[in-house]
Protein backbone atom coordinates (compact mmCIF):
# COMPACT_ATOMS: atom_id res chain seq x y z
CA MET A 1 0.00 0.00 0.00
CA THR A 2 1.17 3.53 -0.79
CA GLU A 3 1.77 6.18 1.84
CA PRO A 4 -1.41 7.97 3.02
CA ARG A 5 -2.26 11.06 1.00
CA THR A 6 -4.77 13.87 1.19
CA ILE A 7 -7.30 13.39 -1.59
CA GLY A 8 -9.64 16.18 -2.68
CA ILE A 9 -12.98 15.09 -4.12
CA LEU A 10 -14.95 17.72 -6.00
CA GLY A 11 -18.62 16.85 -5.76
CA ALA A 12 -20.51 15.36 -2.82
CA GLY A 13 -23.24 13.60 -4.74
CA ALA A 14 -23.80 9.88 -4.36
CA TRP A 15 -20.77 8.84 -6.41
CA GLY A 16 -18.43 11.42 -4.90
CA THR A 17 -19.49 10.36 -1.41
CA ALA A 18 -19.01 6.69 -2.24
CA LEU A 19 -15.52 7.38 -3.58
CA ALA A 20 -14.74 9.37 -0.45
CA GLN A 21 -15.61 6.28 1.61
CA VAL A 22 -13.42 4.07 -0.58
CA THR A 23 -10.51 6.50 -0.47
CA ALA A 24 -10.72 6.86 3.30
CA ARG A 25 -10.86 3.07 3.74
CA ALA A 26 -7.68 2.87 1.69
CA GLY A 27 -5.93 4.86 4.43
CA ASN A 28 -6.08 8.35 2.97
CA ARG A 29 -7.40 11.64 4.36
CA VAL A 30 -10.27 12.97 2.23
CA ILE A 31 -11.54 16.50 1.74
CA LEU A 32 -14.99 16.36 0.14
CA TRP A 33 -16.12 19.57 -1.53
CA SER A 34 -19.70 20.64 -2.08
CA ARG A 35 -21.10 23.98 -3.14
CA ASN A 36 -24.19 23.23 -1.03
CA PRO A 37 -23.78 24.55 2.56
CA GLU A 38 -26.39 22.11 3.92
CA THR A 39 -24.43 19.16 2.50
CA VAL A 40 -21.25 20.44 4.15
CA ARG A 41 -23.09 20.89 7.45
CA SER A 42 -24.67 17.43 7.30
CA ILE A 43 -21.33 15.75 6.70
CA ALA A 44 -19.55 17.76 9.40
CA GLU A 45 -22.21 17.43 12.11
CA ASP A 46 -24.16 14.26 11.34
CA ARG A 47 -21.57 12.24 9.38
CA ARG A 48 -24.20 11.79 6.68
CA ALA A 49 -24.30 12.93 3.06
CA PRO A 50 -27.80 13.80 1.78
CA ASN A 51 -27.37 11.67 -1.35
CA LEU A 52 -26.36 8.58 0.67
CA PRO A 53 -28.16 9.13 3.97
CA ALA A 54 -27.92 5.49 5.11
CA VAL A 55 -24.11 5.57 5.12
CA THR A 56 -22.11 6.78 8.14
CA LEU A 57 -19.07 8.54 6.77
CA ASP A 58 -15.55 7.52 7.70
CA PRO A 59 -13.83 9.79 10.28
CA ALA A 60 -11.05 10.50 7.75
CA ILE A 61 -13.54 12.42 5.57
CA SER A 62 -14.01 16.14 6.12
CA ALA A 63 -16.33 18.42 4.18
CA THR A 64 -15.69 21.89 2.85
CA GLY A 65 -17.39 24.56 0.82
CA ASP A 66 -14.00 26.04 -0.08
CA LEU A 67 -13.05 24.81 -3.56
CA ALA A 68 -9.41 25.76 -3.06
CA GLU A 69 -9.09 23.49 -0.02
CA ALA A 70 -10.08 20.40 -2.00
CA ALA A 71 -8.52 21.40 -5.34
CA GLY A 72 -5.15 21.98 -3.68
CA CYS A 73 -4.77 18.36 -2.53
CA ALA A 74 -2.13 15.90 -3.68
CA ILE A 75 -4.70 14.07 -5.83
CA VAL A 76 -7.96 15.61 -7.06
CA VAL A 77 -11.01 13.54 -8.00
CA LEU A 78 -13.69 15.10 -10.21
CA ALA A 79 -17.05 13.66 -9.12
CA THR A 80 -19.29 16.38 -10.53
CA PRO A 81 -21.67 15.70 -13.48
CA ALA A 82 -20.11 15.43 -16.92
CA GLN A 83 -21.71 18.60 -18.25
CA THR A 84 -20.30 20.71 -15.39
CA THR A 85 -16.72 19.45 -15.81
CA ARG A 86 -15.59 22.47 -17.81
CA ASP A 87 -17.01 25.02 -15.36
CA VAL A 88 -15.71 23.28 -12.23
CA THR A 89 -12.20 22.72 -13.55
CA ALA A 90 -12.00 26.25 -14.96
CA ALA A 91 -12.94 27.60 -11.53
CA ALA A 92 -10.23 25.45 -9.95
CA ALA A 93 -7.55 26.21 -12.54
CA GLU A 94 -5.37 28.39 -10.31
CA MET A 95 -5.83 26.10 -7.31
CA VAL A 96 -4.47 22.86 -8.78
CA ALA A 97 -0.70 22.53 -8.43
CA PRO A 98 1.44 21.55 -11.43
CA GLY A 99 1.76 17.78 -11.82
CA THR A 100 -1.34 16.99 -9.72
CA PRO A 101 -3.19 13.84 -10.83
CA VAL A 102 -6.80 14.82 -11.62
CA VAL A 103 -9.09 11.80 -11.81
CA ILE A 104 -12.27 12.12 -13.89
CA THR A 105 -15.14 9.94 -12.68
CA ALA A 106 -18.09 11.40 -14.63
CA LYS A 107 -19.31 9.38 -17.60
CA GLY A 108 -20.22 11.54 -20.55
CA ILE A 109 -19.07 13.66 -23.47
CA ASP A 110 -18.92 17.44 -23.24
CA ARG A 111 -22.08 18.58 -24.97
CA ALA A 112 -20.80 22.07 -25.80
CA SER A 113 -17.70 20.90 -27.67
CA GLY A 114 -18.34 17.23 -28.48
CA ARG A 115 -15.02 16.36 -26.85
CA LEU A 116 -14.14 13.70 -24.32
CA LEU A 117 -13.82 14.93 -20.75
CA SER A 118 -10.07 14.24 -20.70
CA ASP A 119 -9.70 16.73 -23.56
CA VAL A 120 -11.74 19.30 -21.62
CA VAL A 121 -9.61 18.86 -18.50
CA ALA A 122 -6.39 19.02 -20.53
CA GLU A 123 -7.59 22.39 -21.80
CA THR A 124 -8.78 23.86 -18.50
CA LEU A 125 -6.07 22.29 -16.30
CA PRO A 126 -3.03 21.99 -18.60
CA GLN A 127 -0.77 21.61 -15.56
CA ALA A 128 -2.57 18.46 -14.38
CA ARG A 129 -1.92 14.78 -15.08
CA VAL A 130 -5.26 13.50 -16.35
CA ALA A 131 -6.70 10.14 -15.29
CA VAL A 132 -10.11 8.46 -15.66
CA LEU A 133 -11.80 6.08 -13.23
CA SER A 134 -14.71 4.17 -14.75
CA GLY A 135 -16.48 0.84 -14.59
CA PRO A 136 -19.47 -1.01 -13.15
CA GLY A 137 -20.38 0.26 -9.71
CA PHE A 138 -23.47 1.60 -7.95
CA ALA A 139 -22.69 4.29 -5.39
CA GLY A 140 -24.64 2.68 -2.56
CA GLU A 141 -22.92 -0.65 -2.97
CA VAL A 142 -19.47 0.93 -3.24
CA ALA A 143 -20.09 3.04 -0.12
CA ARG A 144 -21.12 -0.07 1.81
CA GLY A 145 -17.90 -1.84 0.82
CA LEU A 146 -19.49 -4.46 -1.44
CA PRO A 147 -17.04 -5.97 -3.97
CA THR A 148 -16.51 -3.72 -6.98
CA ALA A 149 -13.94 -3.69 -9.80
CA VAL A 150 -13.21 -0.66 -11.98
CA THR A 151 -10.65 0.58 -14.50
CA ILE A 152 -8.35 3.52 -13.89
CA ALA A 153 -6.61 4.86 -16.97
CA THR A 154 -3.91 7.42 -17.74
CA LEU A 155 -1.45 7.83 -20.58
CA ASP A 156 1.34 7.14 -18.07
CA PRO A 157 1.30 3.46 -16.99
CA ALA A 158 3.30 4.25 -13.86
CA LEU A 159 0.69 6.79 -12.78
CA SER A 160 -2.14 4.32 -13.47
CA ASP A 161 -0.42 1.76 -11.26
CA LEU A 162 0.12 4.34 -8.52
CA LEU A 163 -3.50 5.50 -8.55
CA ALA A 164 -4.76 1.91 -8.52
CA GLU A 165 -2.78 1.37 -5.31
CA VAL A 166 -4.06 4.63 -3.80
CA PHE A 167 -7.73 3.68 -4.26
CA ALA A 168 -7.51 -0.08 -3.69
CA THR A 169 -9.25 -1.72 -0.75
CA PRO A 170 -10.31 -5.34 -0.19
CA GLY A 171 -13.74 -4.42 -1.59
CA PHE A 172 -12.68 -1.99 -4.33
CA ARG A 173 -10.30 -3.29 -6.98
CA PRO A 174 -9.00 -0.87 -9.66
CA TYR A 175 -7.37 -2.34 -12.77
CA ALA A 176 -4.77 -0.06 -14.40
CA SER A 177 -4.96 0.86 -18.09
CA ASP A 178 -3.34 3.27 -20.52
CA ASP A 179 -6.38 3.40 -22.86
CA LEU A 180 -7.68 6.79 -21.78
CA ARG A 181 -10.03 7.21 -24.75
CA GLY A 182 -11.46 3.71 -24.78
CA VAL A 183 -12.31 3.83 -21.08
CA GLN A 184 -14.17 7.12 -21.53
CA ILE A 185 -16.11 5.97 -24.58
CA GLY A 186 -17.37 2.92 -22.71
CA GLY A 187 -18.51 4.94 -19.72
CA ALA A 188 -20.24 7.61 -21.79
CA LEU A 189 -22.03 5.42 -24.33
CA LYS A 190 -23.30 2.83 -21.87
CA ASN A 191 -25.54 5.55 -20.40
CA VAL A 192 -27.26 6.10 -23.75
CA LEU A 193 -27.56 2.38 -24.41
CA ALA A 194 -28.94 1.72 -20.92
CA ILE A 195 -31.85 4.03 -21.77
CA ALA A 196 -32.61 1.76 -24.74
CA ALA A 197 -32.46 -1.31 -22.50
CA GLY A 198 -34.84 0.34 -20.06
CA ILE A 199 -37.30 1.07 -22.86
CA VAL A 200 -37.21 -2.60 -23.89
CA ALA A 201 -37.99 -3.60 -20.30
CA GLY A 202 -40.72 -0.99 -19.95
CA ARG A 203 -42.38 -2.19 -23.15
CA ASP A 204 -42.26 -5.83 -21.90
CA LEU A 205 -40.52 -6.96 -25.07
CA GLY A 206 -39.03 -9.96 -23.30
CA ALA A 207 -35.69 -11.40 -22.23
CA SER A 208 -34.72 -12.38 -25.78
CA ALA A 209 -35.16 -8.82 -27.02
CA HIS A 210 -33.17 -7.52 -24.06
CA ALA A 211 -30.29 -9.90 -24.81
CA ALA A 212 -30.30 -8.93 -28.49
CA LEU A 213 -30.43 -5.22 -27.68
CA THR A 214 -27.55 -5.43 -25.20
CA THR A 215 -25.38 -7.41 -27.60
CA ARG A 216 -25.96 -5.06 -30.52
CA ALA A 217 -25.47 -2.08 -28.19
CA LEU A 218 -22.03 -3.42 -27.31
CA ALA A 219 -21.23 -3.65 -31.02
CA GLU A 220 -22.05 0.04 -31.44
CA MET A 221 -19.92 0.93 -28.43
CA ILE A 222 -16.97 -1.02 -29.79
CA ARG A 223 -17.24 0.51 -33.26
CA ILE A 224 -17.18 4.06 -31.90
CA GLY A 225 -14.50 3.28 -29.32
CA VAL A 226 -12.10 1.81 -31.85
CA ALA A 227 -12.75 4.61 -34.36
CA GLU A 228 -12.04 7.15 -31.59
CA GLY A 229 -8.67 5.54 -30.86
CA GLY A 230 -9.60 3.13 -28.09
CA ARG A 231 -8.88 -0.58 -28.02
CA ARG A 232 -11.44 -3.32 -28.55
CA GLU A 233 -10.30 -5.18 -25.44
CA THR A 234 -11.01 -2.07 -23.36
CA LEU A 235 -14.58 -1.93 -24.65
CA THR A 236 -15.08 -5.61 -23.82
CA GLY A 237 -13.64 -5.05 -20.34
CA LEU A 238 -14.87 -3.51 -17.10
CA SER A 239 -15.31 0.04 -18.40
CA GLY A 240 -17.21 -1.13 -21.49
CA LEU A 241 -19.08 -4.41 -21.38
CA GLY A 242 -18.94 -4.59 -17.59
CA ASP A 243 -20.51 -1.17 -17.13
CA LEU A 244 -23.06 -1.83 -19.88
CA LEU A 245 -24.17 -5.08 -18.25
CA LEU A 246 -24.68 -3.33 -14.93
CA SER A 247 -26.49 -0.29 -16.29
CA ALA A 248 -28.61 -2.12 -18.87
CA THR A 249 -30.01 -4.70 -16.47
CA ASN A 250 -30.76 -2.99 -13.18
CA PRO A 251 -33.25 -0.28 -12.18
CA GLN A 252 -30.65 1.11 -9.76
CA SER A 253 -29.22 2.61 -12.94
CA ARG A 254 -30.74 6.06 -13.43
CA ASN A 255 -30.52 5.68 -17.20
CA PHE A 256 -32.22 2.27 -17.20
CA ALA A 257 -34.96 3.48 -14.82
CA PHE A 258 -35.52 6.54 -17.01
CA GLY A 259 -35.87 4.39 -20.14
CA GLU A 260 -38.13 1.94 -18.34
CA ALA A 261 -40.51 4.74 -17.29
CA LEU A 262 -40.60 6.00 -20.87
CA GLY A 263 -41.26 2.49 -22.15
CA ARG A 264 -44.17 2.04 -19.76
CA GLY A 265 -45.62 5.37 -20.78
CA THR A 266 -45.81 6.57 -17.18
CA THR A 267 -43.92 9.79 -17.94
CA THR A 268 -42.81 12.01 -20.77
CA VAL A 269 -39.20 12.80 -21.59
CA ALA A 270 -39.59 16.40 -20.41
CA ASP A 271 -41.30 15.47 -17.14
CA ALA A 272 -38.80 12.72 -16.32
CA LEU A 273 -35.81 14.96 -16.93
CA GLN A 274 -37.29 17.85 -14.98
CA SER A 275 -38.51 15.98 -11.92
CA GLY A 276 -36.21 12.98 -11.65
CA PRO A 277 -32.52 12.47 -10.85
CA LEU A 278 -29.74 13.39 -13.27
CA VAL A 279 -29.76 11.18 -16.38
CA GLU A 280 -26.35 11.54 -18.04
CA GLY A 281 -27.39 9.45 -21.06
CA ALA A 282 -30.01 12.01 -22.08
CA ALA A 283 -27.36 14.73 -22.31
CA THR A 284 -24.88 12.42 -24.00
CA ALA A 285 -27.20 10.99 -26.69
CA PRO A 286 -27.13 13.86 -29.22
CA VAL A 287 -23.41 14.46 -28.88
CA ALA A 288 -22.71 10.72 -29.15
CA ILE A 289 -24.65 10.65 -32.43
CA ALA A 290 -22.66 13.63 -33.68
CA LEU A 291 -19.43 11.87 -32.74
CA ALA A 292 -20.51 8.68 -34.54
CA GLU A 293 -21.40 10.62 -37.67
CA ARG A 294 -18.07 12.41 -37.59
CA LEU A 295 -16.30 9.04 -37.31
CA GLY A 296 -18.47 7.44 -40.00
CA VAL A 297 -19.84 4.79 -37.61
CA ASP A 298 -23.34 3.30 -37.86
CA THR A 299 -25.23 3.46 -34.54
CA PRO A 300 -28.91 2.62 -35.10
CA ILE A 301 -29.73 1.99 -31.43
CA MET A 302 -28.23 5.26 -30.23
CA GLN A 303 -29.85 7.10 -33.13
CA ALA A 304 -33.21 5.69 -32.08
CA VAL A 305 -32.67 6.78 -28.47
CA ALA A 306 -31.65 10.28 -29.54
CA ALA A 307 -34.71 10.56 -31.81
CA VAL A 308 -37.07 9.48 -29.02
CA LEU A 309 -35.52 11.90 -26.53
CA ALA A 310 -35.80 14.76 -29.02
CA ASP A 311 -39.46 13.88 -29.75
CA ARG A 312 -38.63 13.23 -33.39
CA MET A 313 -39.91 9.66 -33.15
CA THR A 314 -42.28 7.70 -30.95
CA ILE A 315 -41.03 4.67 -29.08
CA ASP A 316 -43.21 2.35 -31.17
CA ARG A 317 -41.89 3.87 -34.39
CA ALA A 318 -38.30 3.58 -33.15
CA ILE A 319 -38.79 -0.12 -32.34
CA GLU A 320 -40.39 -0.70 -35.75
CA ALA A 321 -37.51 1.08 -37.49
CA LEU A 322 -34.90 -1.05 -35.70
CA LEU A 323 -36.71 -4.30 -36.45
CA SER A 324 -37.19 -3.47 -40.13
CA ARG A 325 -33.56 -2.64 -40.87
CA PRO A 326 -32.05 -4.57 -43.80
CA LEU A 327 -30.53 -7.92 -42.92
CA LYS A 328 -26.73 -8.00 -42.66
CA ARG A 329 -23.86 -10.16 -41.50
CA GLU A 330 -23.36 -9.99 -37.74
CA HIS A 331 -19.84 -8.57 -37.76
CA ASP A 332 -20.15 -6.16 -40.69
C-alpha cells in the first residue's frame, strides 16, 4: 500500500461520497467539496451525506465549501456531473498545483464541444496529469464496501499503477490501463444504451429482445470506441461491457430506470428529466450521435434513443424502425 495522502474530491453527490468512503478506507485523508452549505453541514455534524443518507461517513472524511481546499490536494477527483466538468475545472484552474493527478469519474461527453472529458480537463487544467476512473459500480454498494472492480486509466502506466494502489481496498479493486479514450467511450455510451435497455424492459418486449439489444449495443460501443482511438479489449472489459451489463439490467441505474418509465408510458421525456434524478445518457445521446457521424460509424440503437428523446420519433416507431432494418452479416 502507498503512503497515506490527502485526496480532494470535488462533488458530494452519491458517487463522490461513495468514492470518499473508498478512499478513506484505503488509508487516505479525504476533503470532500460541495457547493451546497447544507451538505457540508450534514457531513460535518451528522456524518451523513444527503445523497447517501444510510451511510455513516468515515472519520477521515471532512467536508468543505472552499473549492481551493479540495482542489489543492495531492490528488484531485472530479465527481461532478459530466456537463459541469468544464465550469468546475475552470474555476479550480489556479488552485491545482502543477503535476497533480486529476481523476475524472463522470461518464459523458462534453455537450458544448463534443469532446471527451479528458480533452476538456487538458484544456482547463493543462498543468494536471489526467486520469479516468470508470467501470461497473453503484454508489450505494461501493459506499457499503461491497465488492466492486473498476478501471483507472492514464497515458502514463506508472501513474495508473500508482492510482490503482491509492484507491484499492479489499472491496474496491482498480485495474490499471493506458487506454484513456477507450475507457471514456465505454462509460459515456453505456448511459445512452442503458436508456434503450430500459425502454425494452418498460415495453415488456421480453428477455430475448433484451439480450439482443444489449449485444448489438455493445457492437455500437466497440465501433465508436475503436474509431475514436480506443482498443477493442477495453470496450469488452470492465469500463465497457462490464458497465453496460450493470447499467442495462438494473433499475438502480438512473438511465435504465428513465428508459423503463418512458417504455411504460408513465412519464414524458420532459417530465422525467425535470422531476427525476440526473440522467447523463439524455445529455450524451445527441453528442454521441454527432461523434458517430463524424467518425463514419453506424449506430442505429443510439440514433433511435436520440430521436425518441428529441421527440422526433415515438417509441413504437423507433422499435419498428430497428426491427425493419435490412438484414446483414453480424460482424459487418
